[in-house]
Amino acid sequence: MKAPMTNAIRAVQKAGVEYELMAYKYEEHGGTRVGARELGVDEHRVIKTIICQTEEKPIVPFVVLMHGDCEISTKAMARFLNVKGVKVCDPKDADKYSGYHVGGTSPFGTKREMTVYVQKSILDLPEIYINAGSRGLLFKMNPADITKVVKTEAVEAMQ
């Protein structure tokens, strides 16, 4: 399979980050579970890219990177950001902010520049699998390299 050239791949290449592209058979609503299964890796190392936003105006969209086997707590994120509320964007808004289709959302090369909040424990992994901007396509990379591509902030607890 020839991988598509995505904005995420362009952004990672521009940053000079080493990576390996890993393609797998995408399944609708399969999420990180399917990626992990198809690549034969631990789902904890497959990273979700979730587009969220603050609930009060002005609405501020942002990216959350979370272990594939964990769930985000919007209450914990709201406390961390010191705002009244946070919600996961609906797919239409997520696509608008990121420039990617849900299921193929990468934190790299997004249409709109957004702060990327990373679950701190992700940075302790030896390698991660994170979306490369297309459904069924992941980067295998060093998690420390995320910060070479996008502005990040590590968050202790988001679940």
N, C-alpha and C. Protein backbone atom coordinates (compact mmCIF):
# COMPACT_ATOMS: atom_id res chain seq x y z
N MET A 1 0.84 -1.18 0.00
CA MET A 1 0.00 0.00 0.00
C MET A 1 0.89 1.25 0.00
N LYS A 2 0.60 2.15 -0.90
CA LYS A 2 1.33 3.41 -0.94
C LYS A 2 0.60 4.39 -0.01
N ALA A 3 1.34 4.91 0.97
CA ALA A 3 0.75 5.83 1.94
C ALA A 3 0.54 7.20 1.30
N PRO A 4 -0.57 7.86 1.66
CA PRO A 4 -0.81 9.21 1.15
C PRO A 4 0.16 10.19 1.81
N MET A 5 0.47 11.28 1.14
CA MET A 5 1.27 12.35 1.75
C MET A 5 0.28 13.26 2.48
N THR A 6 0.42 13.35 3.78
CA THR A 6 -0.50 14.15 4.59
C THR A 6 0.23 15.37 5.17
N ASN A 7 -0.56 16.32 5.66
CA ASN A 7 0.05 17.48 6.34
C ASN A 7 0.84 17.04 7.57
N ALA A 8 0.38 15.98 8.23
CA ALA A 8 1.10 15.46 9.40
C ALA A 8 2.48 14.96 9.00
N ILE A 9 2.56 14.22 7.91
CA ILE A 9 3.85 13.71 7.44
C ILE A 9 4.76 14.87 7.06
N ARG A 10 4.20 15.86 6.38
CA ARG A 10 4.99 17.04 6.01
C ARG A 10 5.55 17.75 7.25
N ALA A 11 4.71 17.91 8.28
CA ALA A 11 5.12 18.60 9.50
C ALA A 11 6.22 17.84 10.23
N VAL A 12 6.09 16.52 10.30
CA VAL A 12 7.09 15.70 10.99
C VAL A 12 8.41 15.71 10.20
N GLN A 13 8.31 15.62 8.88
CA GLN A 13 9.53 15.67 8.05
C GLN A 13 10.22 17.03 8.20
N LYS A 14 9.44 18.11 8.18
CA LYS A 14 10.00 19.46 8.30
C LYS A 14 10.73 19.63 9.63
N ALA A 15 10.23 18.98 10.69
CA ALA A 15 10.85 19.06 12.02
C ALA A 15 12.08 18.17 12.13
N GLY A 16 12.31 17.34 11.12
CA GLY A 16 13.48 16.47 11.13
C GLY A 16 13.37 15.29 12.09
N VAL A 17 12.15 14.89 12.38
CA VAL A 17 11.90 13.80 13.32
C VAL A 17 11.96 12.45 12.61
N GLU A 18 12.60 11.48 13.26
CA GLU A 18 12.63 10.12 12.71
C GLU A 18 11.30 9.43 13.01
N TYR A 19 10.81 8.70 12.03
CA TYR A 19 9.55 7.98 12.20
C TYR A 19 9.51 6.81 11.22
N GLU A 20 8.57 5.93 11.49
CA GLU A 20 8.26 4.84 10.56
C GLU A 20 6.76 4.88 10.36
N LEU A 21 6.30 4.81 9.12
CA LEU A 21 4.87 4.78 8.84
C LEU A 21 4.37 3.34 8.97
N MET A 22 3.28 3.18 9.68
CA MET A 22 2.67 1.88 9.90
C MET A 22 1.23 1.93 9.39
N ALA A 23 0.95 1.16 8.36
CA ALA A 23 -0.40 1.13 7.79
C ALA A 23 -1.14 -0.11 8.29
N TYR A 24 -2.44 0.03 8.48
CA TYR A 24 -3.28 -1.08 8.89
C TYR A 24 -4.67 -0.91 8.29
N LYS A 25 -5.45 -1.98 8.32
CA LYS A 25 -6.80 -1.93 7.77
C LYS A 25 -7.72 -1.20 8.76
N TYR A 26 -8.16 -0.01 8.37
CA TYR A 26 -9.00 0.82 9.21
C TYR A 26 -10.40 0.23 9.32
N GLU A 27 -10.96 0.30 10.53
CA GLU A 27 -12.35 -0.11 10.77
C GLU A 27 -13.10 1.06 11.39
N GLU A 28 -14.24 1.42 10.81
CA GLU A 28 -15.06 2.52 11.33
C GLU A 28 -15.36 2.29 12.81
N HIS A 29 -15.13 3.29 13.64
CA HIS A 29 -15.35 3.26 15.09
C HIS A 29 -14.46 2.25 15.81
N GLY A 30 -13.39 1.79 15.17
CA GLY A 30 -12.50 0.81 15.79
C GLY A 30 -11.48 1.44 16.72
N GLY A 31 -11.14 2.69 16.44
CA GLY A 31 -10.22 3.43 17.30
C GLY A 31 -8.86 2.78 17.48
N THR A 32 -8.25 3.10 18.61
CA THR A 32 -6.89 2.61 18.89
C THR A 32 -6.86 1.11 19.11
N ARG A 33 -7.98 0.53 19.52
CA ARG A 33 -8.06 -0.91 19.74
C ARG A 33 -7.73 -1.66 18.45
N VAL A 34 -8.31 -1.22 17.33
CA VAL A 34 -8.07 -1.87 16.05
C VAL A 34 -6.63 -1.65 15.58
N GLY A 35 -6.14 -0.42 15.71
CA GLY A 35 -4.76 -0.14 15.32
C GLY A 35 -3.78 -1.02 16.08
N ALA A 36 -4.00 -1.14 17.40
CA ALA A 36 -3.13 -1.97 18.24
C ALA A 36 -3.21 -3.43 17.81
N ARG A 37 -4.42 -3.91 17.60
CA ARG A 37 -4.61 -5.31 17.20
C ARG A 37 -3.95 -5.59 15.86
N GLU A 38 -4.20 -4.72 14.88
CA GLU A 38 -3.67 -4.94 13.54
C GLU A 38 -2.15 -4.86 13.48
N LEU A 39 -1.55 -4.02 14.32
CA LEU A 39 -0.09 -3.88 14.32
C LEU A 39 0.58 -4.78 15.34
N GLY A 40 -0.22 -5.45 16.17
CA GLY A 40 0.33 -6.37 17.18
C GLY A 40 1.09 -5.65 18.28
N VAL A 41 0.57 -4.47 18.70
CA VAL A 41 1.22 -3.69 19.75
C VAL A 41 0.24 -3.45 20.89
N ASP A 42 0.77 -3.06 22.04
CA ASP A 42 -0.02 -2.74 23.22
C ASP A 42 -0.83 -1.47 22.97
N GLU A 43 -2.14 -1.51 23.22
CA GLU A 43 -2.99 -0.35 22.98
C GLU A 43 -2.56 0.86 23.82
N HIS A 44 -1.88 0.63 24.92
CA HIS A 44 -1.39 1.72 25.77
C HIS A 44 -0.39 2.60 25.02
N ARG A 45 0.28 2.03 24.01
CA ARG A 45 1.27 2.77 23.21
C ARG A 45 0.68 3.42 21.96
N VAL A 46 -0.58 3.09 21.67
CA VAL A 46 -1.27 3.71 20.54
C VAL A 46 -2.00 4.93 21.09
N ILE A 47 -1.64 6.09 20.60
CA ILE A 47 -2.08 7.35 21.20
C ILE A 47 -3.30 7.92 20.47
N LYS A 48 -4.32 8.27 21.28
CA LYS A 48 -5.51 8.93 20.75
C LYS A 48 -5.22 10.41 20.57
N THR A 49 -5.71 10.98 19.49
CA THR A 49 -5.68 12.42 19.28
C THR A 49 -7.12 12.90 19.35
N ILE A 50 -7.43 13.65 20.40
CA ILE A 50 -8.80 14.09 20.64
C ILE A 50 -8.86 15.61 20.53
N ILE A 51 -9.76 16.11 19.70
CA ILE A 51 -9.95 17.56 19.58
C ILE A 51 -11.06 17.97 20.55
N CYS A 52 -10.70 18.86 21.47
CA CYS A 52 -11.63 19.34 22.49
C CYS A 52 -11.77 20.85 22.38
N GLN A 53 -12.69 21.39 23.17
CA GLN A 53 -12.84 22.84 23.21
C GLN A 53 -13.39 23.26 24.56
N THR A 54 -13.10 24.50 24.92
CA THR A 54 -13.71 25.05 26.11
C THR A 54 -15.17 25.32 25.79
N GLU A 55 -16.02 25.28 26.83
CA GLU A 55 -17.46 25.46 26.59
C GLU A 55 -17.91 26.91 26.61
N GLU A 56 -17.18 27.77 27.34
CA GLU A 56 -17.60 29.17 27.38
C GLU A 56 -16.89 29.97 26.31
N LYS A 57 -17.46 31.10 25.98
CA LYS A 57 -16.88 31.97 24.96
C LYS A 57 -15.77 32.81 25.57
N PRO A 58 -14.70 33.09 24.87
CA PRO A 58 -14.47 32.60 23.52
C PRO A 58 -14.12 31.11 23.55
N ILE A 59 -14.69 30.37 22.63
CA ILE A 59 -14.41 28.93 22.54
C ILE A 59 -12.98 28.74 22.06
N VAL A 60 -12.22 27.95 22.80
CA VAL A 60 -10.83 27.70 22.46
C VAL A 60 -10.65 26.20 22.19
N PRO A 61 -10.36 25.84 20.94
CA PRO A 61 -10.11 24.43 20.65
C PRO A 61 -8.68 24.05 21.04
N PHE A 62 -8.49 22.79 21.39
CA PHE A 62 -7.17 22.28 21.73
C PHE A 62 -7.13 20.79 21.48
N VAL A 63 -5.92 20.24 21.52
CA VAL A 63 -5.71 18.82 21.25
C VAL A 63 -5.31 18.12 22.54
N VAL A 64 -5.85 16.93 22.76
CA VAL A 64 -5.45 16.09 23.88
C VAL A 64 -4.88 14.79 23.32
N LEU A 65 -3.69 14.44 23.80
CA LEU A 65 -3.08 13.15 23.45
C LEU A 65 -3.17 12.25 24.67
N MET A 66 -3.78 11.08 24.48
CA MET A 66 -4.11 10.18 25.58
C MET A 66 -3.77 8.75 25.17
N HIS A 67 -3.35 7.94 26.13
CA HIS A 67 -3.14 6.51 25.86
C HIS A 67 -4.41 5.92 25.27
N GLY A 68 -4.26 5.02 24.31
CA GLY A 68 -5.41 4.42 23.65
C GLY A 68 -6.33 3.65 24.57
N ASP A 69 -5.78 3.10 25.65
CA ASP A 69 -6.60 2.30 26.57
C ASP A 69 -7.15 3.13 27.73
N CYS A 70 -7.10 4.45 27.64
CA CYS A 70 -7.60 5.35 28.69
C CYS A 70 -8.71 6.24 28.14
N GLU A 71 -9.48 6.80 29.04
CA GLU A 71 -10.55 7.73 28.66
C GLU A 71 -10.22 9.11 29.22
N ILE A 72 -10.57 10.14 28.49
CA ILE A 72 -10.34 11.51 28.94
C ILE A 72 -11.44 11.91 29.93
N SER A 73 -11.05 12.67 30.93
CA SER A 73 -12.01 13.28 31.84
C SER A 73 -12.09 14.76 31.48
N THR A 74 -13.24 15.17 30.95
CA THR A 74 -13.39 16.58 30.60
C THR A 74 -13.40 17.45 31.87
N LYS A 75 -13.87 16.89 32.98
CA LYS A 75 -13.85 17.63 34.26
C LYS A 75 -12.41 17.88 34.70
N ALA A 76 -11.55 16.87 34.59
CA ALA A 76 -10.14 17.04 34.97
C ALA A 76 -9.46 18.07 34.06
N MET A 77 -9.78 18.03 32.76
CA MET A 77 -9.19 19.01 31.83
C MET A 77 -9.69 20.41 32.15
N ALA A 78 -10.95 20.55 32.47
CA ALA A 78 -11.50 21.87 32.81
C ALA A 78 -10.80 22.42 34.06
N ARG A 79 -10.59 21.55 35.05
CA ARG A 79 -9.87 21.98 36.27
C ARG A 79 -8.45 22.41 35.91
N PHE A 80 -7.78 21.61 35.08
CA PHE A 80 -6.40 21.91 34.69
C PHE A 80 -6.32 23.26 33.96
N LEU A 81 -7.28 23.52 33.08
CA LEU A 81 -7.29 24.75 32.28
C LEU A 81 -7.91 25.93 33.03
N ASN A 82 -8.51 25.62 34.20
CA ASN A 82 -9.17 26.64 35.00
C ASN A 82 -10.30 27.32 34.24
N VAL A 83 -11.15 26.48 33.62
CA VAL A 83 -12.33 26.96 32.90
C VAL A 83 -13.55 26.22 33.44
N LYS A 84 -14.74 26.76 33.14
CA LYS A 84 -15.99 26.15 33.64
C LYS A 84 -16.21 24.76 33.07
N GLY A 85 -15.96 24.61 31.77
CA GLY A 85 -16.23 23.32 31.15
C GLY A 85 -15.42 23.08 29.89
N VAL A 86 -15.23 21.81 29.61
CA VAL A 86 -14.52 21.35 28.42
C VAL A 86 -15.38 20.25 27.82
N LYS A 87 -15.40 20.19 26.50
CA LYS A 87 -16.11 19.08 25.85
C LYS A 87 -15.30 18.59 24.66
N VAL A 88 -15.52 17.33 24.33
CA VAL A 88 -14.93 16.76 23.12
C VAL A 88 -15.73 17.34 21.96
N CYS A 89 -15.04 17.83 20.96
CA CYS A 89 -15.72 18.44 19.80
C CYS A 89 -16.54 17.41 19.05
N ASP A 90 -17.65 17.86 18.49
CA ASP A 90 -18.39 16.98 17.61
C ASP A 90 -17.54 16.81 16.35
N PRO A 91 -17.74 15.71 15.60
CA PRO A 91 -16.87 15.42 14.45
C PRO A 91 -16.75 16.56 13.44
N LYS A 92 -17.84 17.28 13.18
CA LYS A 92 -17.80 18.37 12.20
C LYS A 92 -16.84 19.47 12.66
N ASP A 93 -16.94 19.85 13.94
CA ASP A 93 -16.05 20.88 14.47
C ASP A 93 -14.60 20.38 14.56
N ALA A 94 -14.44 19.13 14.98
CA ALA A 94 -13.09 18.56 15.06
C ALA A 94 -12.42 18.58 13.68
N ASP A 95 -13.17 18.22 12.65
CA ASP A 95 -12.64 18.24 11.28
C ASP A 95 -12.28 19.67 10.87
N LYS A 96 -13.14 20.63 11.24
CA LYS A 96 -12.92 22.04 10.88
C LYS A 96 -11.64 22.58 11.54
N TYR A 97 -11.46 22.28 12.81
CA TYR A 97 -10.29 22.79 13.54
C TYR A 97 -8.99 22.10 13.10
N SER A 98 -9.07 20.80 12.89
CA SER A 98 -7.85 20.02 12.62
C SER A 98 -7.50 19.93 11.14
N GLY A 99 -8.53 19.94 10.29
CA GLY A 99 -8.29 19.71 8.87
C GLY A 99 -8.23 18.23 8.52
N TYR A 100 -8.48 17.39 9.50
CA TYR A 100 -8.48 15.93 9.31
C TYR A 100 -9.87 15.39 9.57
N HIS A 101 -10.14 14.18 9.06
CA HIS A 101 -11.40 13.50 9.36
C HIS A 101 -11.22 12.68 10.62
N VAL A 102 -12.24 12.69 11.50
CA VAL A 102 -12.19 11.90 12.71
C VAL A 102 -11.85 10.45 12.34
N GLY A 103 -10.93 9.88 13.08
CA GLY A 103 -10.41 8.55 12.77
C GLY A 103 -9.06 8.65 12.08
N GLY A 104 -8.75 9.84 11.57
CA GLY A 104 -7.47 10.09 10.92
C GLY A 104 -6.85 11.39 11.42
N THR A 105 -7.25 11.79 12.64
CA THR A 105 -6.78 13.07 13.19
C THR A 105 -5.39 12.93 13.78
N SER A 106 -4.51 13.78 13.33
CA SER A 106 -3.14 13.84 13.85
C SER A 106 -2.96 15.15 14.60
N PRO A 107 -2.08 15.17 15.62
CA PRO A 107 -1.78 16.44 16.27
C PRO A 107 -0.82 17.30 15.45
N PHE A 108 -0.26 16.71 14.40
CA PHE A 108 0.75 17.38 13.58
C PHE A 108 0.12 17.93 12.31
N GLY A 109 0.51 19.15 11.93
CA GLY A 109 0.04 19.72 10.67
C GLY A 109 -1.44 20.05 10.66
N THR A 110 -1.97 20.43 11.82
CA THR A 110 -3.40 20.77 11.87
C THR A 110 -3.67 22.08 11.13
N LYS A 111 -4.89 22.19 10.66
CA LYS A 111 -5.31 23.38 9.92
C LYS A 111 -5.21 24.63 10.79
N ARG A 112 -5.63 24.49 12.03
CA ARG A 112 -5.59 25.60 12.99
C ARG A 112 -4.55 25.24 14.05
N GLU A 113 -3.69 26.20 14.38
CA GLU A 113 -2.69 25.93 15.42
C GLU A 113 -3.40 25.85 16.77
N MET A 114 -3.17 24.75 17.48
CA MET A 114 -3.81 24.54 18.78
C MET A 114 -2.77 24.03 19.77
N THR A 115 -2.97 24.34 21.04
CA THR A 115 -2.10 23.77 22.07
C THR A 115 -2.38 22.27 22.15
N VAL A 116 -1.32 21.50 22.31
CA VAL A 116 -1.43 20.05 22.41
C VAL A 116 -1.10 19.66 23.85
N TYR A 117 -2.10 19.12 24.55
CA TYR A 117 -1.91 18.66 25.92
C TYR A 117 -1.64 17.16 25.87
N VAL A 118 -0.51 16.77 26.44
CA VAL A 118 -0.06 15.38 26.39
C VAL A 118 -0.15 14.76 27.77
N GLN A 119 -0.81 13.60 27.87
CA GLN A 119 -0.79 12.88 29.13
C GLN A 119 0.67 12.56 29.44
N LYS A 120 1.15 13.03 30.57
CA LYS A 120 2.58 12.99 30.92
C LYS A 120 3.19 11.60 30.77
N SER A 121 2.47 10.56 31.15
CA SER A 121 3.01 9.19 31.10
C SER A 121 3.31 8.73 29.67
N ILE A 122 2.72 9.37 28.67
CA ILE A 122 3.03 9.04 27.27
C ILE A 122 4.51 9.30 27.00
N LEU A 123 5.04 10.36 27.60
CA LEU A 123 6.43 10.75 27.35
C LEU A 123 7.43 9.77 27.95
N ASP A 124 6.97 8.88 28.83
CA ASP A 124 7.84 7.87 29.45
C ASP A 124 7.96 6.60 28.61
N LEU A 125 7.15 6.47 27.58
CA LEU A 125 7.18 5.26 26.75
C LEU A 125 8.40 5.28 25.82
N PRO A 126 8.94 4.10 25.49
CA PRO A 126 10.09 4.05 24.59
C PRO A 126 9.71 4.42 23.15
N GLU A 127 8.49 4.11 22.75
CA GLU A 127 8.00 4.46 21.42
C GLU A 127 6.48 4.51 21.47
N ILE A 128 5.91 5.29 20.54
CA ILE A 128 4.46 5.39 20.46
C ILE A 128 4.02 5.21 19.02
N TYR A 129 2.72 4.99 18.87
CA TYR A 129 2.07 4.91 17.56
C TYR A 129 0.99 5.99 17.59
N ILE A 130 1.12 6.97 16.70
CA ILE A 130 0.23 8.12 16.72
C ILE A 130 -0.20 8.45 15.29
N ASN A 131 -1.42 8.93 15.14
CA ASN A 131 -1.99 9.11 13.80
C ASN A 131 -1.13 10.00 12.91
N ALA A 132 -1.02 9.57 11.66
CA ALA A 132 -0.20 10.27 10.66
C ALA A 132 -1.05 11.09 9.70
N GLY A 133 -2.31 11.35 10.06
CA GLY A 133 -3.15 12.23 9.25
C GLY A 133 -4.06 11.54 8.26
N SER A 134 -4.19 10.22 8.39
CA SER A 134 -5.08 9.47 7.50
C SER A 134 -5.58 8.24 8.25
N ARG A 135 -6.81 7.87 8.01
CA ARG A 135 -7.36 6.67 8.65
C ARG A 135 -6.53 5.45 8.25
N GLY A 136 -6.12 4.68 9.25
CA GLY A 136 -5.33 3.47 8.98
C GLY A 136 -3.85 3.73 8.79
N LEU A 137 -3.35 4.88 9.25
CA LEU A 137 -1.94 5.22 9.08
C LEU A 137 -1.40 5.85 10.36
N LEU A 138 -0.39 5.20 10.95
CA LEU A 138 0.20 5.70 12.19
C LEU A 138 1.70 5.94 12.02
N PHE A 139 2.20 6.91 12.77
CA PHE A 139 3.65 7.08 12.92
C PHE A 139 4.09 6.18 14.06
N LYS A 140 5.19 5.48 13.90
CA LYS A 140 5.89 4.84 15.01
C LYS A 140 7.04 5.79 15.28
N MET A 141 7.09 6.35 16.51
CA MET A 141 8.10 7.38 16.79
C MET A 141 8.42 7.45 18.27
N ASN A 142 9.45 8.20 18.59
CA ASN A 142 9.83 8.47 19.97
C ASN A 142 8.89 9.55 20.50
N PRO A 143 8.24 9.34 21.65
CA PRO A 143 7.30 10.34 22.15
C PRO A 143 7.95 11.70 22.46
N ALA A 144 9.24 11.69 22.79
CA ALA A 144 9.93 12.96 23.06
C ALA A 144 9.95 13.86 21.83
N ASP A 145 9.81 13.26 20.65
CA ASP A 145 9.85 14.03 19.40
C ASP A 145 8.56 14.81 19.13
N ILE A 146 7.49 14.51 19.86
CA ILE A 146 6.24 15.26 19.69
C ILE A 146 6.52 16.75 19.85
N THR A 147 7.33 17.09 20.86
CA THR A 147 7.61 18.50 21.17
C THR A 147 8.47 19.18 20.11
N LYS A 148 9.09 18.40 19.23
CA LYS A 148 9.87 18.99 18.14
C LYS A 148 8.97 19.44 16.99
N VAL A 149 7.74 18.92 16.99
CA VAL A 149 6.81 19.19 15.90
C VAL A 149 5.73 20.20 16.30
N VAL A 150 5.20 20.08 17.51
CA VAL A 150 4.13 20.96 17.98
C VAL A 150 4.41 21.47 19.39
N LYS A 151 3.78 22.59 19.72
CA LYS A 151 3.87 23.14 21.07
C LYS A 151 3.01 22.26 21.98
N THR A 152 3.63 21.75 23.05
CA THR A 152 2.90 20.85 23.94
C THR A 152 2.95 21.33 25.38
N GLU A 153 2.03 20.79 26.15
CA GLU A 153 2.05 20.96 27.59
C GLU A 153 1.69 19.61 28.19
N ALA A 154 2.57 19.11 29.08
CA ALA A 154 2.32 17.82 29.73
C ALA A 154 1.31 18.01 30.85
N VAL A 155 0.39 17.06 30.96
CA VAL A 155 -0.65 17.09 31.98
C VAL A 155 -0.57 15.78 32.76
N GLU A 156 -0.54 15.89 34.07
CA GLU A 156 -0.43 14.71 34.93
C GLU A 156 -1.66 13.81 34.82
N ALA A 157 -2.83 14.36 35.12
CA ALA A 157 -4.04 13.54 35.16
C ALA A 157 -5.12 14.13 34.26
N MET A 158 -5.55 13.34 33.29
CA MET A 158 -6.65 13.77 32.41
C MET A 158 -7.75 12.73 32.40
N GLN A 159 -7.64 11.76 33.30
CA GLN A 159 -8.65 10.70 33.29
C GLN A 159 -9.32 10.58 34.62
